Amino acid sequence: MDFEITRDVRNEVLSRRELAFTLTFDGPTPSRKSIQEKLAAMLNKNESLVVLDLERTRFGAMELSGRARIYDDEESKKSTEREYLLKRGEPKKAESEA
């Protein structure tokens, strides 16, 4: 996976960095979790503070374009981020067996 950050803007009002990126990959489309981990490692940030918003792939191309927001702290993340995006970024809970 190769990241190319196409836009990097600091939003002081909301205490976050807003990124636009292009990801080139081989094989199947990477999962949201693997993209989140790779982006956090590349920028030396905690992966729980990274929120992926938009991911688009083109048919037949091994390229993905997306947007991400990296918050300064957990409190500012929870106060501004939409609830469904927070749930997408969390690991799935194992279902209890009946």
PDB file of N, CA and C in Angstrom:
ATOM      1  N   MET A   1       0.839  -1.181   0.000  1.00  0.00           N
ATOM      2  CA  MET A   1       0.000   0.000   0.000  1.00  0.00           C
ATOM      3  C   MET A   1       0.883   1.243   0.000  1.00  0.00           C
ATOM      4  N   ASP A   2       0.640   2.116  -0.953  1.00  0.00           N
ATOM      5  CA  ASP A   2       1.365   3.374  -1.046  1.00  0.00           C
ATOM      6  C   ASP A   2       0.400   4.537  -0.897  1.00  0.00           C
ATOM      7  N   PHE A   3       0.648   5.377   0.101  1.00  0.00           N
ATOM      8  CA  PHE A   3      -0.170   6.557   0.336  1.00  0.00           C
ATOM      9  C   PHE A   3       0.433   7.763  -0.356  1.00  0.00           C
ATOM     10  N   GLU A   4      -0.421   8.589  -0.910  1.00  0.00           N
ATOM     11  CA  GLU A   4      -0.019   9.900  -1.401  1.00  0.00           C
ATOM     12  C   GLU A   4      -1.030  10.895  -0.840  1.00  0.00           C
ATOM     13  N   ILE A   5      -0.580  11.773   0.028  1.00  0.00           N
ATOM     14  CA  ILE A   5      -1.475  12.769   0.616  1.00  0.00           C
ATOM     15  C   ILE A   5      -1.578  13.929  -0.367  1.00  0.00           C
ATOM     16  N   THR A   6      -2.803  14.171  -0.854  1.00  0.00           N
ATOM     17  CA  THR A   6      -3.010  15.194  -1.873  1.00  0.00           C
ATOM     18  C   THR A   6      -3.415  16.531  -1.257  1.00  0.00           C
ATOM     19  N   ARG A   7      -3.936  16.513  -0.039  1.00  0.00           N
ATOM     20  CA  ARG A   7      -4.340  17.749   0.637  1.00  0.00           C
ATOM     21  C   ARG A   7      -4.192  17.554   2.132  1.00  0.00           C
ATOM     22  N   ASP A   8      -3.581  18.506   2.800  1.00  0.00           N
ATOM     23  CA  ASP A   8      -3.380  18.446   4.251  1.00  0.00           C
ATOM     24  C   ASP A   8      -3.651  19.831   4.821  1.00  0.00           C
ATOM     25  N   VAL A   9      -4.779  19.978   5.528  1.00  0.00           N
ATOM     26  CA  VAL A   9      -5.188  21.271   6.067  1.00  0.00           C
ATOM     27  C   VAL A   9      -5.396  21.139   7.565  1.00  0.00           C
ATOM     28  N   ARG A  10      -4.920  22.112   8.309  1.00  0.00           N
ATOM     29  CA  ARG A  10      -5.116  22.144   9.759  1.00  0.00           C
ATOM     30  C   ARG A  10      -6.353  22.980  10.057  1.00  0.00           C
ATOM     31  N   ASN A  11      -7.323  22.410  10.799  1.00  0.00           N
ATOM     32  CA  ASN A  11      -8.535  23.105  11.198  1.00  0.00           C
ATOM     33  C   ASN A  11      -8.436  23.372  12.700  1.00  0.00           C
ATOM     34  N   GLU A  12      -8.004  24.566  13.065  1.00  0.00           N
ATOM     35  CA  GLU A  12      -7.803  24.916  14.478  1.00  0.00           C
ATOM     36  C   GLU A  12      -9.109  24.988  15.245  1.00  0.00           C
ATOM     37  N   VAL A  13     -10.182  25.409  14.591  1.00  0.00           N
ATOM     38  CA  VAL A  13     -11.472  25.559  15.267  1.00  0.00           C
ATOM     39  C   VAL A  13     -11.969  24.222  15.797  1.00  0.00           C
ATOM     40  N   LEU A  14     -11.802  23.161  15.010  1.00  0.00           N
ATOM     41  CA  LEU A  14     -12.287  21.837  15.403  1.00  0.00           C
ATOM     42  C   LEU A  14     -11.181  20.933  15.934  1.00  0.00           C
ATOM     43  N   SER A  15      -9.983  21.459  16.102  1.00  0.00           N
ATOM     44  CA  SER A  15      -8.831  20.715  16.656  1.00  0.00           C
ATOM     45  C   SER A  15      -8.545  19.430  15.877  1.00  0.00           C
ATOM     46  N   ARG A  16      -8.360  19.575  14.573  1.00  0.00           N
ATOM     47  CA  ARG A  16      -8.096  18.394  13.755  1.00  0.00           C
ATOM     48  C   ARG A  16      -7.314  18.753  12.499  1.00  0.00           C
ATOM     49  N   ARG A  17      -6.737  17.716  11.889  1.00  0.00           N
ATOM     50  CA  ARG A  17      -6.137  17.803  10.562  1.00  0.00           C
ATOM     51  C   ARG A  17      -7.087  17.144   9.587  1.00  0.00           C
ATOM     52  N   GLU A  18      -7.278  17.756   8.433  1.00  0.00           N
ATOM     53  CA  GLU A  18      -8.150  17.202   7.404  1.00  0.00           C
ATOM     54  C   GLU A  18      -7.284  16.818   6.215  1.00  0.00           C
ATOM     55  N   LEU A  19      -7.356  15.542   5.856  1.00  0.00           N
ATOM     56  CA  LEU A  19      -6.503  15.007   4.796  1.00  0.00           C
ATOM     57  C   LEU A  19      -7.333  14.472   3.635  1.00  0.00           C
ATOM     58  N   ALA A  20      -6.798  14.623   2.451  1.00  0.00           N
ATOM     59  CA  ALA A  20      -7.302  13.919   1.272  1.00  0.00           C
ATOM     60  C   ALA A  20      -6.129  13.082   0.779  1.00  0.00           C
ATOM     61  N   PHE A  21      -6.398  11.836   0.412  1.00  0.00           N
ATOM     62  CA  PHE A  21      -5.300  10.951   0.038  1.00  0.00           C
ATOM     63  C   PHE A  21      -5.683  10.052  -1.121  1.00  0.00           C
ATOM     64  N   THR A  22      -4.647   9.530  -1.753  1.00  0.00           N
ATOM     65  CA  THR A  22      -4.796   8.515  -2.792  1.00  0.00           C
ATOM     66  C   THR A  22      -3.976   7.319  -2.351  1.00  0.00           C
ATOM     67  N   LEU A  23      -4.586   6.159  -2.387  1.00  0.00           N
ATOM     68  CA  LEU A  23      -3.939   4.930  -1.946  1.00  0.00           C
ATOM     69  C   LEU A  23      -3.843   3.975  -3.128  1.00  0.00           C
ATOM     70  N   THR A  24      -2.642   3.526  -3.419  1.00  0.00           N
ATOM     71  CA  THR A  24      -2.422   2.539  -4.473  1.00  0.00           C
ATOM     72  C   THR A  24      -2.135   1.205  -3.799  1.00  0.00           C
ATOM     73  N   PHE A  25      -2.804   0.156  -4.259  1.00  0.00           N
ATOM     74  CA  PHE A  25      -2.682  -1.149  -3.606  1.00  0.00           C
ATOM     75  C   PHE A  25      -2.648  -2.268  -4.639  1.00  0.00           C
ATOM     76  N   ASP A  26      -2.215  -3.447  -4.202  1.00  0.00           N
ATOM     77  CA  ASP A  26      -2.226  -4.650  -5.032  1.00  0.00           C
ATOM     78  C   ASP A  26      -3.208  -5.628  -4.419  1.00  0.00           C
ATOM     79  N   GLY A  27      -3.930  -6.347  -5.237  1.00  0.00           N
ATOM     80  CA  GLY A  27      -4.867  -7.337  -4.730  1.00  0.00           C
ATOM     81  C   GLY A  27      -6.213  -6.717  -4.381  1.00  0.00           C
ATOM     82  N   PRO A  28      -6.904  -7.307  -3.404  1.00  0.00           N
ATOM     83  CA  PRO A  28      -8.238  -6.801  -3.045  1.00  0.00           C
ATOM     84  C   PRO A  28      -8.160  -5.441  -2.354  1.00  0.00           C
ATOM     85  N   THR A  29      -9.281  -4.744  -2.349  1.00  0.00           N
ATOM     86  CA  THR A  29      -9.362  -3.439  -1.691  1.00  0.00           C
ATOM     87  C   THR A  29      -9.096  -3.605  -0.199  1.00  0.00           C
ATOM     88  N   PRO A  30      -8.198  -2.815   0.372  1.00  0.00           N
ATOM     89  CA  PRO A  30      -7.898  -2.940   1.800  1.00  0.00           C
ATOM     90  C   PRO A  30      -9.083  -2.537   2.670  1.00  0.00           C
ATOM     91  N   SER A  31      -9.143  -3.107   3.850  1.00  0.00           N
ATOM     92  CA  SER A  31     -10.244  -2.808   4.763  1.00  0.00           C
ATOM     93  C   SER A  31     -10.070  -1.421   5.364  1.00  0.00           C
ATOM     94  N   ARG A  32     -11.166  -0.880   5.908  1.00  0.00           N
ATOM     95  CA  ARG A  32     -11.112   0.420   6.569  1.00  0.00           C
ATOM     96  C   ARG A  32     -10.113   0.391   7.717  1.00  0.00           C
ATOM     97  N   LYS A  33     -10.095  -0.698   8.461  1.00  0.00           N
ATOM     98  CA  LYS A  33      -9.209  -0.824   9.620  1.00  0.00           C
ATOM     99  C   LYS A  33      -7.744  -0.787   9.184  1.00  0.00           C
ATOM    100  N   SER A  34      -7.394  -1.489   8.121  1.00  0.00           N
ATOM    101  CA  SER A  34      -6.003  -1.504   7.674  1.00  0.00           C
ATOM    102  C   SER A  34      -5.583  -0.134   7.128  1.00  0.00           C
ATOM    103  N   ILE A  35      -6.494   0.570   6.463  1.00  0.00           N
ATOM    104  CA  ILE A  35      -6.195   1.921   5.983  1.00  0.00           C
ATOM    105  C   ILE A  35      -5.979   2.856   7.166  1.00  0.00           C
ATOM    106  N   GLN A  36      -6.846   2.736   8.168  1.00  0.00           N
ATOM    107  CA  GLN A  36      -6.752   3.570   9.361  1.00  0.00           C
ATOM    108  C   GLN A  36      -5.428   3.321  10.095  1.00  0.00           C
ATOM    109  N   GLU A  37      -5.047   2.061  10.246  1.00  0.00           N
ATOM    110  CA  GLU A  37      -3.790   1.717  10.926  1.00  0.00           C
ATOM    111  C   GLU A  37      -2.579   2.241  10.162  1.00  0.00           C
ATOM    112  N   LYS A  38      -2.580   2.066   8.850  1.00  0.00           N
ATOM    113  CA  LYS A  38      -1.448   2.500   8.027  1.00  0.00           C
ATOM    114  C   LYS A  38      -1.303   4.020   8.041  1.00  0.00           C
ATOM    115  N   LEU A  39      -2.414   4.726   7.958  1.00  0.00           N
ATOM    116  CA  LEU A  39      -2.384   6.180   7.975  1.00  0.00           C
ATOM    117  C   LEU A  39      -1.895   6.705   9.326  1.00  0.00           C
ATOM    118  N   ALA A  40      -2.357   6.102  10.409  1.00  0.00           N
ATOM    119  CA  ALA A  40      -1.933   6.508  11.751  1.00  0.00           C
ATOM    120  C   ALA A  40      -0.436   6.237  11.946  1.00  0.00           C
ATOM    121  N   ALA A  41       0.052   5.102  11.470  1.00  0.00           N
ATOM    122  CA  ALA A  41       1.468   4.773  11.605  1.00  0.00           C
ATOM    123  C   ALA A  41       2.332   5.717  10.773  1.00  0.00           C
ATOM    124  N   MET A  42       1.855   6.062   9.599  1.00  0.00           N
ATOM    125  CA  MET A  42       2.603   6.936   8.718  1.00  0.00           C
ATOM    126  C   MET A  42       2.744   8.343   9.306  1.00  0.00           C
ATOM    127  N   LEU A  43       1.718   8.807  10.013  1.00  0.00           N
ATOM    128  CA  LEU A  43       1.724  10.162  10.571  1.00  0.00           C
ATOM    129  C   LEU A  43       2.070  10.194  12.059  1.00  0.00           C
ATOM    130  N   ASN A  44       2.433   9.047  12.637  1.00  0.00           N
ATOM    131  CA  ASN A  44       2.783   8.932  14.059  1.00  0.00           C
ATOM    132  C   ASN A  44       1.672   9.444  14.968  1.00  0.00           C
ATOM    133  N   LYS A  45       0.458   9.001  14.716  1.00  0.00           N
ATOM    134  CA  LYS A  45      -0.701   9.373  15.523  1.00  0.00           C
ATOM    135  C   LYS A  45      -1.358   8.108  16.063  1.00  0.00           C
ATOM    136  N   ASN A  46      -2.180   8.279  17.092  1.00  0.00           N
ATOM    137  CA  ASN A  46      -2.949   7.177  17.649  1.00  0.00           C
ATOM    138  C   ASN A  46      -4.077   6.824  16.679  1.00  0.00           C
ATOM    139  N   GLU A  47      -4.229   5.557  16.351  1.00  0.00           N
ATOM    140  CA  GLU A  47      -5.234   5.179  15.348  1.00  0.00           C
ATOM    141  C   GLU A  47      -6.667   5.402  15.809  1.00  0.00           C
ATOM    142  N   SER A  48      -6.903   5.519  17.114  1.00  0.00           N
ATOM    143  CA  SER A  48      -8.271   5.788  17.590  1.00  0.00           C
ATOM    144  C   SER A  48      -8.678   7.235  17.317  1.00  0.00           C
ATOM    145  N   LEU A  49      -7.733   8.111  16.994  1.00  0.00           N
ATOM    146  CA  LEU A  49      -8.032   9.506  16.695  1.00  0.00           C
ATOM    147  C   LEU A  49      -8.224   9.759  15.203  1.00  0.00           C
ATOM    148  N   VAL A  50      -8.076   8.716  14.380  1.00  0.00           N
ATOM    149  CA  VAL A  50      -8.230   8.837  12.931  1.00  0.00           C
ATOM    150  C   VAL A  50      -9.637   8.398  12.545  1.00  0.00           C
ATOM    151  N   VAL A  51     -10.325   9.243  11.769  1.00  0.00           N
ATOM    152  CA  VAL A  51     -11.673   8.928  11.284  1.00  0.00           C
ATOM    153  C   VAL A  51     -11.648   8.977   9.759  1.00  0.00           C
ATOM    154  N   LEU A  52     -11.991   7.856   9.134  1.00  0.00           N
ATOM    155  CA  LEU A  52     -12.089   7.802   7.673  1.00  0.00           C
ATOM    156  C   LEU A  52     -13.500   8.195   7.280  1.00  0.00           C
ATOM    157  N   ASP A  53     -13.599   9.107   6.327  1.00  0.00           N
ATOM    158  CA  ASP A  53     -14.906   9.610   5.946  1.00  0.00           C
ATOM    159  C   ASP A  53     -15.362   9.039   4.610  1.00  0.00           C
ATOM    160  N   LEU A  54     -14.557   9.151   3.595  1.00  0.00           N
ATOM    161  CA  LEU A  54     -14.993   8.809   2.253  1.00  0.00           C
ATOM    162  C   LEU A  54     -13.937   7.964   1.574  1.00  0.00           C
ATOM    163  N   GLU A  55     -14.361   6.881   0.965  1.00  0.00           N
ATOM    164  CA  GLU A  55     -13.458   6.032   0.198  1.00  0.00           C
ATOM    165  C   GLU A  55     -14.109   5.724  -1.136  1.00  0.00           C
ATOM    166  N   ARG A  56     -13.391   5.965  -2.196  1.00  0.00           N
ATOM    167  CA  ARG A  56     -13.914   5.688  -3.528  1.00  0.00           C
ATOM    168  C   ARG A  56     -12.881   4.917  -4.325  1.00  0.00           C
ATOM    169  N   THR A  57     -13.337   3.866  -4.971  1.00  0.00           N
ATOM    170  CA  THR A  57     -12.478   3.124  -5.891  1.00  0.00           C
ATOM    171  C   THR A  57     -13.098   3.195  -7.278  1.00  0.00           C
ATOM    172  N   ARG A  58     -12.250   3.132  -8.272  1.00  0.00           N
ATOM    173  CA  ARG A  58     -12.739   3.072  -9.636  1.00  0.00           C
ATOM    174  C   ARG A  58     -12.657   1.637 -10.114  1.00  0.00           C
ATOM    175  N   PHE A  59     -13.619   1.222 -10.887  1.00  0.00           N
ATOM    176  CA  PHE A  59     -13.653  -0.150 -11.377  1.00  0.00           C
ATOM    177  C   PHE A  59     -12.415  -0.444 -12.203  1.00  0.00           C
ATOM    178  N   GLY A  60     -11.738  -1.526 -11.845  1.00  0.00           N
ATOM    179  CA  GLY A  60     -10.577  -1.978 -12.593  1.00  0.00           C
ATOM    180  C   GLY A  60      -9.269  -1.308 -12.212  1.00  0.00           C
ATOM    181  N   ALA A  61      -9.326  -0.265 -11.413  1.00  0.00           N
ATOM    182  CA  ALA A  61      -8.101   0.436 -11.012  1.00  0.00           C
ATOM    183  C   ALA A  61      -7.723   0.018  -9.597  1.00  0.00           C
ATOM    184  N   MET A  62      -6.454  -0.149  -9.365  1.00  0.00           N
ATOM    185  CA  MET A  62      -5.965  -0.508  -8.033  1.00  0.00           C
ATOM    186  C   MET A  62      -5.627   0.772  -7.271  1.00  0.00           C
ATOM    187  N   GLU A  63      -6.618   1.664  -7.219  1.00  0.00           N
ATOM    188  CA  GLU A  63      -6.407   2.964  -6.605  1.00  0.00           C
ATOM    189  C   GLU A  63      -7.659   3.371  -5.850  1.00  0.00           C
ATOM    190  N   LEU A  64      -7.463   3.960  -4.696  1.00  0.00           N
ATOM    191  CA  LEU A  64      -8.557   4.393  -3.837  1.00  0.00           C
ATOM    192  C   LEU A  64      -8.298   5.834  -3.445  1.00  0.00           C
ATOM    193  N   SER A  65      -9.323   6.665  -3.529  1.00  0.00           N
ATOM    194  CA  SER A  65      -9.178   8.035  -3.057  1.00  0.00           C
ATOM    195  C   SER A  65     -10.094   8.204  -1.852  1.00  0.00           C
ATOM    196  N   GLY A  66      -9.638   8.958  -0.876  1.00  0.00           N
ATOM    197  CA  GLY A  66     -10.428   9.092   0.342  1.00  0.00           C
ATOM    198  C   GLY A  66     -10.088  10.341   1.118  1.00  0.00           C
ATOM    199  N   ARG A  67     -10.867  10.543   2.185  1.00  0.00           N
ATOM    200  CA  ARG A  67     -10.652  11.660   3.099  1.00  0.00           C
ATOM    201  C   ARG A  67     -10.579  11.119   4.513  1.00  0.00           C
ATOM    202  N   ALA A  68      -9.777  11.771   5.318  1.00  0.00           N
ATOM    203  CA  ALA A  68      -9.631  11.378   6.718  1.00  0.00           C
ATOM    204  C   ALA A  68      -9.486  12.623   7.571  1.00  0.00           C
ATOM    205  N   ARG A  69      -9.859  12.477   8.836  1.00  0.00           N
ATOM    206  CA  ARG A  69      -9.681  13.545   9.807  1.00  0.00           C
ATOM    207  C   ARG A  69      -8.929  12.966  10.998  1.00  0.00           C
ATOM    208  N   ILE A  70      -7.917  13.696  11.452  1.00  0.00           N
ATOM    209  CA  ILE A  70      -7.117  13.259  12.590  1.00  0.00           C
ATOM    210  C   ILE A  70      -7.283  14.291  13.696  1.00  0.00           C
ATOM    211  N   TYR A  71      -7.867  13.857  14.793  1.00  0.00           N
ATOM    212  CA  TYR A  71      -8.177  14.759  15.904  1.00  0.00           C
ATOM    213  C   TYR A  71      -7.022  14.838  16.891  1.00  0.00           C
ATOM    214  N   ASP A  72      -6.972  15.951  17.631  1.00  0.00           N
ATOM    215  CA  ASP A  72      -5.948  16.144  18.653  1.00  0.00           C
ATOM    216  C   ASP A  72      -6.237  15.311  19.893  1.00  0.00           C
ATOM    217  N   ASP A  73      -7.520  15.160  20.251  1.00  0.00           N
ATOM    218  CA  ASP A  73      -7.879  14.380  21.429  1.00  0.00           C
ATOM    219  C   ASP A  73      -9.250  13.731  21.231  1.00  0.00           C
ATOM    220  N   GLU A  74      -9.538  12.779  22.090  1.00  0.00           N
ATOM    221  CA  GLU A  74     -10.775  11.998  22.005  1.00  0.00           C
ATOM    222  C   GLU A  74     -12.015  12.866  22.228  1.00  0.00           C
ATOM    223  N   GLU A  75     -11.914  13.836  23.099  1.00  0.00           N
ATOM    224  CA  GLU A  75     -13.060  14.690  23.426  1.00  0.00           C
ATOM    225  C   GLU A  75     -13.521  15.506  22.220  1.00  0.00           C
ATOM    226  N   SER A  76     -12.587  16.114  21.505  1.00  0.00           N
ATOM    227  CA  SER A  76     -12.963  16.894  20.327  1.00  0.00           C
ATOM    228  C   SER A  76     -13.490  15.989  19.217  1.00  0.00           C
ATOM    229  N   LYS A  77     -12.996  14.780  19.150  1.00  0.00           N
ATOM    230  CA  LYS A  77     -13.493  13.816  18.161  1.00  0.00           C
ATOM    231  C   LYS A  77     -14.956  13.480  18.419  1.00  0.00           C
ATOM    232  N   LYS A  78     -15.293  13.166  19.663  1.00  0.00           N
ATOM    233  CA  LYS A  78     -16.666  12.777  19.991  1.00  0.00           C
ATOM    234  C   LYS A  78     -17.644  13.934  19.894  1.00  0.00           C
ATOM    235  N   SER A  79     -17.175  15.158  20.134  1.00  0.00           N
ATOM    236  CA  SER A  79     -18.083  16.302  20.109  1.00  0.00           C
ATOM    237  C   SER A  79     -18.423  16.765  18.695  1.00  0.00           C
ATOM    238  N   THR A  80     -17.556  16.504  17.717  1.00  0.00           N
ATOM    239  CA  THR A  80     -17.824  17.001  16.368  1.00  0.00           C
ATOM    240  C   THR A  80     -18.142  15.923  15.343  1.00  0.00           C
ATOM    241  N   GLU A  81     -17.724  14.709  15.558  1.00  0.00           N
ATOM    242  CA  GLU A  81     -17.871  13.667  14.543  1.00  0.00           C
ATOM    243  C   GLU A  81     -19.269  13.055  14.576  1.00  0.00           C
ATOM    244  N   ARG A  82     -19.746  12.671  13.397  1.00  0.00           N
ATOM    245  CA  ARG A  82     -21.063  12.034  13.287  1.00  0.00           C
ATOM    246  C   ARG A  82     -21.011  10.624  13.875  1.00  0.00           C
ATOM    247  N   GLU A  83     -22.088  10.233  14.503  1.00  0.00           N
ATOM    248  CA  GLU A  83     -22.148   8.976  15.261  1.00  0.00           C
ATOM    249  C   GLU A  83     -21.895   7.753  14.385  1.00  0.00           C
ATOM    250  N   TYR A  84     -22.457   7.730  13.185  1.00  0.00           N
ATOM    251  CA  TYR A  84     -22.289   6.537  12.342  1.00  0.00           C
ATOM    252  C   TYR A  84     -20.836   6.364  11.880  1.00  0.00           C
ATOM    253  N   LEU A  85     -20.104   7.458  11.728  1.00  0.00           N
ATOM    254  CA  LEU A  85     -18.697   7.336  11.353  1.00  0.00           C
ATOM    255  C   LEU A  85     -17.856   6.827  12.518  1.00  0.00           C
ATOM    256  N   LEU A  86     -18.226   7.201  13.735  1.00  0.00           N
ATOM    257  CA  LEU A  86     -17.520   6.684  14.901  1.00  0.00           C
ATOM    258  C   LEU A  86     -17.735   5.181  15.030  1.00  0.00           C
ATOM    259  N   LYS A  87     -18.956   4.717  14.751  1.00  0.00           N
ATOM    260  CA  LYS A  87     -19.252   3.285  14.846  1.00  0.00           C
ATOM    261  C   LYS A  87     -18.538   2.488  13.762  1.00  0.00           C
ATOM    262  N   ARG A  88     -18.373   3.072  12.577  1.00  0.00           N
ATOM    263  CA  ARG A  88     -17.663   2.387  11.493  1.00  0.00           C
ATOM    264  C   ARG A  88     -16.212   2.132  11.839  1.00  0.00           C
ATOM    265  N   GLY A  89     -15.605   3.052  12.582  1.00  0.00           N
ATOM    266  CA  GLY A  89     -14.200   2.929  12.910  1.00  0.00           C
ATOM    267  C   GLY A  89     -13.897   1.981  14.048  1.00  0.00           C
ATOM    268  N   GLU A  90     -14.905   1.606  14.821  1.00  0.00           N
ATOM    269  CA  GLU A  90     -14.695   0.713  15.955  1.00  0.00           C
ATOM    270  C   GLU A  90     -14.617  -0.739  15.491  1.00  0.00           C
ATOM    271  N   PRO A  91     -13.850  -1.564  16.207  1.00  0.00           N
ATOM    272  CA  PRO A  91     -13.832  -2.993  15.866  1.00  0.00           C
ATOM    273  C   PRO A  91     -15.188  -3.625  16.169  1.00  0.00           C
ATOM    274  N   LYS A  92     -15.564  -4.610  15.370  1.00  0.00           N
ATOM    275  CA  LYS A  92     -16.852  -5.268  15.585  1.00  0.00           C
ATOM    276  C   LYS A  92     -16.797  -6.134  16.829  1.00  0.00           C
ATOM    277  N   LYS A  93     -17.889  -6.123  17.582  1.00  0.00           N
ATOM    278  CA  LYS A  93     -17.969  -6.936  18.803  1.00  0.00           C
ATOM    279  C   LYS A  93     -18.411  -8.344  18.428  1.00  0.00           C
ATOM    280  N   ALA A  94     -17.828  -9.311  19.110  1.00  0.00           N
ATOM    281  CA  ALA A  94     -18.193 -10.703  18.851  1.00  0.00           C
ATOM    282  C   ALA A  94     -19.608 -10.950  19.368  1.00  0.00           C
ATOM    283  N   GLU A  95     -20.410 -11.625  18.562  1.00  0.00           N
ATOM    284  CA  GLU A  95     -21.768 -11.921  18.965  1.00  0.00           C
ATOM    285  C   GLU A  95     -21.765 -13.029  20.014  1.00  0.00           C
ATOM    286  N   SER A  96     -22.617 -12.876  21.009  1.00  0.00           N
ATOM    287  CA  SER A  96     -22.691 -13.906  22.041  1.00  0.00           C
ATOM    288  C   SER A  96     -23.410 -15.121  21.470  1.00  0.00           C
ATOM    289  N   GLU A  97     -22.906 -16.286  21.830  1.00  0.00           N
ATOM    290  CA  GLU A  97     -23.487 -17.518  21.310  1.00  0.00           C
ATOM    291  C   GLU A  97     -24.665 -17.922  22.168  1.00  0.00           C
ATOM    292  N   ALA A  98     -25.761 -18.298  21.558  1.00  0.00           N
ATOM    293  CA  ALA A  98     -26.970 -18.664  22.298  1.00  0.00           C
ATOM    294  C   ALA A  98     -27.062 -20.145  22.546  1.00  0.00           C
TER     295      ALA A  98
END
